[in-house]
C-alpha atoms as a PDB file:
ATOM      1  CA  ILE A   1      92.716 106.819 120.112  1.00  0.00           C
ATOM      2  CA  ASN A   2      90.960 108.530 122.945  1.00  0.00           C
ATOM      3  CA  SER A   3      92.132 107.063 126.254  1.00  0.00           C
ATOM      4  CA  GLY A   4      88.507 107.004 127.381  1.00  0.00           C
ATOM      5  CA  ASP A   5      87.773 104.520 124.607  1.00  0.00           C
ATOM      6  CA  ILE A   6      90.296 101.976 125.898  1.00  0.00           C
ATOM      7  CA  TYR A   7      89.453 101.976 129.600  1.00  0.00           C
ATOM      8  CA  PHE A   8      88.898  98.203 129.499  1.00  0.00           C
ATOM      9  CA  ILE A   9      92.411  97.278 128.325  1.00  0.00           C
ATOM     10  CA  PRO A  10      94.026  97.171 131.815  1.00  0.00           C
ATOM     11  CA  HIS A  11      91.240  94.841 132.986  1.00  0.00           C
ATOM     12  CA  VAL A  12      91.646  92.577 129.955  1.00  0.00           C
ATOM     13  CA  LEU A  13      95.417  92.425 130.447  1.00  0.00           C
ATOM     14  CA  LYS A  14      95.010  91.598 134.140  1.00  0.00           C
ATOM     15  CA  GLY A  15      92.682  88.747 133.194  1.00  0.00           C
ATOM     16  CA  ILE A  16      95.085  87.420 130.579  1.00  0.00           C
ATOM     17  CA  SER A  17      97.981  87.690 133.011  1.00  0.00           C
ATOM     18  CA  ARG A  18      96.028  85.859 135.744  1.00  0.00           C
ATOM     19  CA  VAL A  19      95.213  82.938 133.419  1.00  0.00           C
ATOM     20  CA  LEU A  20      98.804  82.767 132.195  1.00  0.00           C
ATOM     21  CA  GLU A  21     100.165  82.779 135.757  1.00  0.00           C
ATOM     22  CA  GLN A  22      97.826  79.905 136.673  1.00  0.00           C
ATOM     23  CA  ASN A  23      99.513  77.973 133.868  1.00  0.00           C
ATOM     24  CA  SER A  24     103.086  78.974 134.815  1.00  0.00           C
ATOM     25  CA  CYS A  25     103.342  81.534 132.009  1.00  0.00           C
ATOM     26  CA  ASN A  26     104.165  85.223 131.986  1.00  0.00           C
ATOM     27  CA  LEU A  27     103.013  88.163 129.927  1.00  0.00           C
ATOM     28  CA  LEU A  28     105.457  90.940 129.075  1.00  0.00           C
ATOM     29  CA  LEU A  29     104.242  93.959 127.145  1.00  0.00           C
ATOM     30  CA  HIS A  30     106.598  96.745 126.283  1.00  0.00           C
ATOM     31  CA  ASP A  31     106.322  99.825 124.111  1.00  0.00           C
ATOM     32  CA  THR A  32     109.551  99.769 122.127  1.00  0.00           C
ATOM     33  CA  LYS A  33     108.760 103.064 120.379  1.00  0.00           C
ATOM     34  CA  ASN A  34     109.876 101.354 117.153  1.00  0.00           C
ATOM     35  CA  SER A  35     113.431 101.121 118.480  1.00  0.00           C
ATOM     36  CA  GLN A  36     115.402  98.191 117.115  1.00  0.00           C
ATOM     37  CA  ALA A  37     117.882  98.579 119.985  1.00  0.00           C
ATOM     38  CA  CYS A  38     115.054  98.356 122.531  1.00  0.00           C
ATOM     39  CA  ILE A  39     113.636  95.207 120.913  1.00  0.00           C
ATOM     40  CA  ARG A  40     117.096  93.635 120.820  1.00  0.00           C
ATOM     41  CA  ASP A  41     117.764  94.501 124.483  1.00  0.00           C
ATOM     42  CA  LEU A  42     114.401  93.110 125.592  1.00  0.00           C
ATOM     43  CA  LEU A  43     114.910  89.861 123.665  1.00  0.00           C
ATOM     44  CA  GLU A  44     118.414  89.455 125.099  1.00  0.00           C
ATOM     45  CA  ASP A  45     117.087  90.037 128.626  1.00  0.00           C
ATOM     46  CA  ILE A  46     114.261  87.534 128.161  1.00  0.00           C
ATOM     47  CA  LEU A  47     116.664  84.900 126.839  1.00  0.00           C
ATOM     48  CA  ARG A  48     119.136  85.536 129.672  1.00  0.00           C
ATOM     49  CA  LYS A  49     116.379  85.129 132.297  1.00  0.00           C
ATOM     50  CA  GLY A  50     115.041  82.013 130.584  1.00  0.00           C
ATOM     51  CA  THR A  51     111.925  81.337 128.562  1.00  0.00           C
ATOM     52  CA  ASP A  52     110.137  78.517 126.796  1.00  0.00           C
ATOM     53  CA  GLY A  53     109.163  80.716 123.855  1.00  0.00           C
ATOM     54  CA  VAL A  54     108.346  84.205 122.647  1.00  0.00           C
ATOM     55  CA  LEU A  55     105.394  85.735 120.833  1.00  0.00           C
ATOM     56  CA  LEU A  56     106.714  88.784 119.027  1.00  0.00           C
ATOM     57  CA  GLN A  57     104.968  91.653 117.256  1.00  0.00           C
ATOM     58  CA  PRO A  58     107.976  93.276 115.590  1.00  0.00           C
ATOM     59  CA  ASN A  59     108.048  96.731 114.125  1.00  0.00           C
ATOM     60  CA  THR A  60     109.132  97.286 110.558  1.00  0.00           C
ATOM     61  CA  LEU A  61     112.789  98.163 110.286  1.00  0.00           C
ATOM     62  CA  PRO A  62     114.989  99.211 107.413  1.00  0.00           C
ATOM     63  CA  GLU A  63     116.840  96.151 106.114  1.00  0.00           C
ATOM     64  CA  ASP A  64     120.264  97.504 107.105  1.00  0.00           C
ATOM     65  CA  ASN A  65     119.145  97.924 110.751  1.00  0.00           C
ATOM     66  CA  ALA A  66     117.782  94.406 111.086  1.00  0.00           C
ATOM     67  CA  ALA A  67     121.210  92.703 111.276  1.00  0.00           C
ATOM     68  CA  ASN A  68     121.622  93.122 115.052  1.00  0.00           C
ATOM     69  CA  LEU A  69     118.111  91.829 115.667  1.00  0.00           C
ATOM     70  CA  GLN A  70     118.866  88.847 113.423  1.00  0.00           C
ATOM     71  CA  GLN A  71     121.885  88.046 115.637  1.00  0.00           C
ATOM     72  CA  VAL A  72     119.665  87.903 118.721  1.00  0.00           C
ATOM     73  CA  LEU A  73     117.159  85.700 116.888  1.00  0.00           C
ATOM     74  CA  LYS A  74     120.010  83.324 116.020  1.00  0.00           C
ATOM     75  CA  GLN A  75     120.807  83.129 119.755  1.00  0.00           C
ATOM     76  CA  TYR A  76     117.217  81.985 120.324  1.00  0.00           C
ATOM     77  CA  GLN A  77     117.623  79.405 117.578  1.00  0.00           C
ATOM     78  CA  ARG A  78     120.845  78.051 119.116  1.00  0.00           C
ATOM     79  CA  ALA A  79     119.099  77.875 122.506  1.00  0.00           C
ATOM     80  CA  LYS A  80     116.182  76.036 120.834  1.00  0.00           C
ATOM     81  CA  VAL A  81     113.709  78.667 122.062  1.00  0.00           C
ATOM     82  CA  PRO A  82     110.840  79.128 119.586  1.00  0.00           C
ATOM     83  CA  ILE A  83     109.701  82.542 118.429  1.00  0.00           C
ATOM     84  CA  VAL A  84     106.264  83.057 116.923  1.00  0.00           C
ATOM     85  CA  ALA A  85     106.170  86.399 115.120  1.00  0.00           C
ATOM     86  CA  PHE A  86     103.120  88.308 113.987  1.00  0.00           C
ATOM     87  CA  CYS A  87     103.822  90.118 110.701  1.00  0.00           C
ATOM     88  CA  GLY A  88     107.374  88.885 110.916  1.00  0.00           C
ATOM     89  CA  SER A  89     108.656  89.829 107.478  1.00  0.00           C
ATOM     90  CA  LEU A  90     111.956  91.045 108.918  1.00  0.00           C
ATOM     91  CA  LEU A  91     112.525  87.801 110.778  1.00  0.00           C
ATOM     92  CA  SER A  92     114.465  84.852 109.477  1.00  0.00           C
ATOM     93  CA  ASN A  93     112.808  81.824 107.945  1.00  0.00           C
ATOM     94  CA  ASP A  94     113.599  79.922 111.157  1.00  0.00           C
ATOM     95  CA  CYS A  95     110.812  81.772 112.991  1.00  0.00           C
ATOM     96  CA  ILE A  96     107.161  80.900 112.703  1.00  0.00           C
ATOM     97  CA  SER A  97     105.457  83.890 111.145  1.00  0.00           C
ATOM     98  CA  LEU A  98     101.697  84.519 111.362  1.00  0.00           C
END
């Protein structure tokens, strides 16, 4: 993608963020570079700081590397914090998957 073709994205994100803030919500975007460890660390940090829920666009991971991420998702389940996952095939059945 040519960066000139996506010049509008920062403006769209600012608008989304402004509307969310008006409704006591936050928007966190992070490029995880397809790193399972990065996703896990971010989810742990979000849970530690407190949240009412998470919308997650997970990357695809080899099955043997998903175990640590599953542990973090179980922490969310125990804390009764919902996760809505887009294309969440690697997530447990306890998550809502779109």
